[in-house]
Amino acid sequence: MTFYDCPTAPSPRRARMVLAEKRVPHEVIEVDLRNGAQFSDTFRAINPRCTVPALQLEDGSVLSDNASIARWLEEVYPDPPLMGTTPLEKAMVAEWSWRVDFEGLSAIMEVLRNTSKSMKDRALPGPDPTPQIPELAERGRARGMRFFKALDARLGETAWLGGDSFSVADIGAYVFVEFAAWVKMEAPGDAENLAAWHEAIKARPSGKV
């Protein structure tokens, strides 16, 4: 299989971490987002949405978002499980994965895409031009800071977001915390649960990819 990646982008890092946790052999092709390689005819033939990550399977099928890539890997490479093992844990992983996407990563994306000069007319991913709205960046910062507090509260109750086991929810939240630093957002200094959790993931092999 072939993984289309961009080392400097947060979204493909989530898929990289899942691949690393499951120790799946794969080829990597880097897509230079900075210079617009995602809009090339070559990459459009792989993923018409012009986004990374994308995972091309051996039969030629292409998975073009983190949810589908993680789901496929979980089905084909079930060890170690990253989506929970009990009904409750699976449900909590799904709940926190959704919250990470909606309350965390989308908030940071609002900040970056509505303030970065390099993303003028690219406030949304994909091939269609979208103008920046500075007010959305302000809202994104407020949402992101609230989510830091929600994460810290949850991690005061459980070792990992889904319960007792590390999961894709933790991977997404870890990328949120790392990505937030890009837009000069830091977790509150008293978020000790979040800080300990973050250090634990940094120590994992997947935390370094």
Protein backbone atom coordinates (compact mmCIF):
# COMPACT_ATOMS: atom_id res chain seq x y z
CA MET A 1 0.00 0.00 0.00
CA THR A 2 1.04 3.61 -0.56
CA PHE A 3 0.59 6.42 1.94
CA TYR A 4 0.43 9.97 0.61
CA ASP A 5 1.85 12.20 3.30
CA CYS A 6 3.08 15.68 4.12
CA PRO A 7 5.45 15.71 7.13
CA THR A 8 4.63 19.30 8.10
CA ALA A 9 0.83 18.94 8.06
CA PRO A 10 -1.17 17.85 11.12
CA SER A 11 -3.87 15.81 9.39
CA PRO A 12 -1.63 13.09 7.89
CA ARG A 13 0.22 12.83 11.16
CA ARG A 14 -2.83 11.18 12.66
CA ALA A 15 -2.73 8.44 10.01
CA ARG A 16 1.06 8.12 10.40
CA MET A 17 0.59 7.46 14.10
CA VAL A 18 -2.03 4.77 13.47
CA LEU A 19 0.26 3.11 10.92
CA ALA A 20 3.12 3.26 13.43
CA GLU A 21 1.06 1.85 16.31
CA LYS A 22 -0.06 -1.06 14.15
CA ARG A 23 3.40 -1.55 12.60
CA VAL A 24 2.01 -1.71 9.06
CA PRO A 25 4.60 -1.77 6.24
CA HIS A 26 3.87 0.77 3.52
CA GLU A 27 5.42 2.98 0.87
CA VAL A 28 5.40 6.74 1.44
CA ILE A 29 5.00 9.43 -1.19
CA GLU A 30 5.33 12.99 0.10
CA VAL A 31 2.99 15.64 -1.27
CA ASP A 32 4.47 19.15 -1.10
CA LEU A 33 1.51 21.16 0.13
CA ARG A 34 3.52 24.35 0.47
CA ASN A 35 4.14 24.43 -3.28
CA GLY A 36 0.69 23.22 -4.29
CA ALA A 37 1.52 19.64 -5.27
CA GLN A 38 -1.90 18.57 -3.96
CA PHE A 39 -3.48 20.41 -6.89
CA SER A 40 -1.37 18.67 -9.54
CA ASP A 41 -3.03 16.42 -12.11
CA THR A 42 -0.98 13.52 -10.76
CA PHE A 43 -2.33 13.85 -7.23
CA ARG A 44 -5.86 14.76 -8.34
CA ALA A 45 -5.96 11.35 -10.03
CA ILE A 46 -5.27 9.81 -6.60
CA ASN A 47 -7.51 12.08 -4.53
CA PRO A 48 -9.76 14.58 -6.36
CA ARG A 49 -10.36 16.34 -3.02
CA CYS A 50 -6.70 17.47 -3.15
CA THR A 51 -6.05 16.67 0.51
CA VAL A 52 -3.77 14.45 2.54
CA PRO A 53 -3.67 11.89 4.01
CA ALA A 54 -4.58 9.38 1.35
CA LEU A 55 -3.93 5.64 1.53
CA GLN A 56 -3.92 3.69 -1.72
CA LEU A 57 -4.56 0.00 -1.14
CA GLU A 58 -3.08 -2.85 -3.14
CA ASP A 59 -6.27 -3.22 -5.19
CA GLY A 60 -6.07 0.45 -6.21
CA SER A 61 -8.79 1.69 -3.82
CA VAL A 62 -8.03 5.02 -2.17
CA LEU A 63 -9.03 6.05 1.35
CA SER A 64 -8.85 9.82 1.63
CA ASP A 65 -9.56 10.80 5.22
CA ASN A 66 -8.40 9.85 8.70
CA ALA A 67 -11.67 8.19 9.69
CA SER A 68 -11.70 5.74 6.78
CA ILE A 69 -7.97 5.03 7.02
CA ALA A 70 -8.16 4.27 10.75
CA ARG A 71 -11.29 2.15 10.32
CA TRP A 72 -9.73 0.06 7.52
CA LEU A 73 -6.50 -0.44 9.45
CA GLU A 74 -8.45 -1.48 12.54
CA GLU A 75 -10.33 -4.11 10.54
CA VAL A 76 -7.34 -5.50 8.66
CA TYR A 77 -4.73 -5.11 11.42
CA PRO A 78 -6.73 -5.54 14.66
CA ASP A 79 -3.67 -5.87 16.92
CA PRO A 80 -3.20 -3.64 18.81
CA PRO A 81 -6.82 -2.42 18.96
CA LEU A 82 -7.11 1.35 18.68
CA MET A 83 -10.89 1.74 18.69
CA GLY A 84 -11.75 0.07 21.97
CA THR A 85 -12.45 -3.53 22.93
CA THR A 86 -15.66 -3.42 25.00
CA PRO A 87 -18.97 -1.90 23.85
CA LEU A 88 -18.58 1.01 26.27
CA GLU A 89 -14.95 1.66 25.37
CA LYS A 90 -15.77 1.59 21.64
CA ALA A 91 -18.54 4.08 22.25
CA MET A 92 -16.30 6.40 24.27
CA VAL A 93 -13.55 6.25 21.65
CA ALA A 94 -16.13 7.23 19.02
CA GLU A 95 -17.46 10.05 21.22
CA TRP A 96 -14.06 11.53 21.96
CA SER A 97 -12.87 11.13 18.38
CA TRP A 98 -15.84 13.23 17.29
CA ARG A 99 -15.17 15.81 19.98
CA VAL A 100 -11.50 16.03 19.01
CA ASP A 101 -12.47 16.70 15.40
CA PHE A 102 -15.28 19.17 16.09
CA GLU A 103 -14.19 20.97 19.25
CA GLY A 104 -10.42 20.74 18.86
CA LEU A 105 -8.91 20.29 15.43
CA SER A 106 -11.57 22.25 13.54
CA ALA A 107 -11.08 25.14 15.99
CA ILE A 108 -7.34 25.26 15.35
CA MET A 109 -7.94 24.97 11.62
CA GLU A 110 -10.21 28.03 11.84
CA VAL A 111 -7.34 29.98 13.36
CA LEU A 112 -4.65 28.85 10.92
CA ARG A 113 -6.62 29.02 7.70
CA ASN A 114 -8.14 32.41 8.49
CA THR A 115 -4.89 34.11 9.52
CA SER A 116 -2.03 32.59 7.52
CA LYS A 117 -0.92 34.70 4.56
CA SER A 118 0.06 31.52 2.72
CA MET A 119 -3.57 30.35 2.89
CA LYS A 120 -5.17 33.39 1.33
CA ASP A 121 -8.28 32.17 -0.49
CA ARG A 122 -7.71 28.71 1.01
CA ALA A 123 -9.70 29.04 4.23
CA LEU A 124 -11.13 25.56 3.60
CA PRO A 125 -9.17 22.55 2.32
CA GLY A 126 -9.77 21.34 -1.20
CA PRO A 127 -9.55 22.75 -4.72
CA ASP A 128 -12.24 25.47 -4.46
CA PRO A 129 -11.10 29.00 -3.45
CA THR A 130 -12.52 30.15 -0.10
CA PRO A 131 -11.81 33.64 1.33
CA GLN A 132 -10.50 34.12 4.86
CA ILE A 133 -12.78 35.46 7.61
CA PRO A 134 -10.69 36.90 10.48
CA GLU A 135 -13.59 36.69 12.96
CA LEU A 136 -13.56 32.90 12.60
CA ALA A 137 -9.96 32.86 13.83
CA GLU A 138 -11.03 34.64 17.02
CA ARG A 139 -13.81 32.12 17.53
CA GLY A 140 -11.41 29.26 16.86
CA ARG A 141 -9.05 30.42 19.60
CA ALA A 142 -11.88 30.57 22.11
CA ARG A 143 -13.09 27.09 21.11
CA GLY A 144 -9.60 25.63 21.32
CA MET A 145 -8.98 27.00 24.80
CA ARG A 146 -12.27 25.53 26.00
CA PHE A 147 -11.29 22.17 24.57
CA PHE A 148 -7.98 22.16 26.46
CA LYS A 149 -10.04 22.35 29.66
CA ALA A 150 -12.39 19.58 28.52
CA LEU A 151 -9.46 17.29 27.78
CA ASP A 152 -7.84 17.97 31.15
CA ALA A 153 -11.11 17.22 32.96
CA ARG A 154 -11.60 13.94 31.09
CA LEU A 155 -8.01 12.85 31.74
CA GLY A 156 -8.58 13.44 35.42
CA GLU A 157 -11.15 10.62 35.22
CA THR A 158 -9.41 8.08 32.96
CA ALA A 159 -5.89 7.24 31.81
CA TRP A 160 -6.86 7.64 28.15
CA LEU A 161 -9.73 9.42 26.48
CA GLY A 162 -11.63 6.24 25.66
CA GLY A 163 -10.96 4.55 28.99
CA ASP A 164 -8.15 2.22 30.00
CA SER A 165 -6.53 1.80 26.56
CA PHE A 166 -4.72 4.13 24.16
CA SER A 167 -6.85 4.80 21.08
CA VAL A 168 -7.35 6.85 17.94
CA ALA A 169 -9.08 9.44 20.13
CA ASP A 170 -5.80 9.99 21.96
CA ILE A 171 -3.95 10.22 18.66
CA GLY A 172 -6.29 12.92 17.40
CA ALA A 173 -6.12 14.87 20.65
CA TYR A 174 -2.33 14.62 20.73
CA VAL A 175 -2.14 16.12 17.24
CA PHE A 176 -4.54 18.86 18.40
CA VAL A 177 -2.25 19.77 21.30
CA GLU A 178 0.86 19.73 19.09
CA PHE A 179 -0.87 21.64 16.30
CA ALA A 180 -2.18 24.30 18.69
CA ALA A 181 1.39 25.40 19.35
CA TRP A 182 1.67 26.37 15.67
CA VAL A 183 -0.91 29.08 16.21
CA LYS A 184 0.60 30.10 19.56
CA MET A 185 -2.03 28.41 21.70
CA GLU A 186 -0.87 26.61 24.81
CA ALA A 187 -2.77 24.54 27.34
CA PRO A 188 -3.46 26.30 30.66
CA GLY A 189 -0.58 25.94 33.09
CA ASP A 190 -2.75 24.14 35.63
CA ALA A 191 -3.82 21.42 33.16
CA GLU A 192 -1.68 18.80 34.90
CA ASN A 193 -3.66 15.79 33.70
CA LEU A 194 -3.32 16.92 30.11
CA ALA A 195 0.41 17.56 30.52
CA ALA A 196 1.09 14.09 31.95
CA TRP A 197 -0.95 12.44 29.19
CA HIS A 198 0.90 14.45 26.54
CA GLU A 199 4.29 13.37 27.88
CA ALA A 200 3.16 9.73 27.94
CA ILE A 201 2.26 9.87 24.24
CA LYS A 202 5.48 11.69 23.34
CA ALA A 203 7.35 8.74 24.84
CA ARG A 204 5.62 6.25 22.54
CA PRO A 205 7.32 5.40 19.22
CA SER A 206 4.26 6.73 17.37
CA GLY A 207 4.55 10.05 19.22
CA LYS A 208 7.76 10.73 17.34
CA VAL A 209 6.55 10.18 13.76
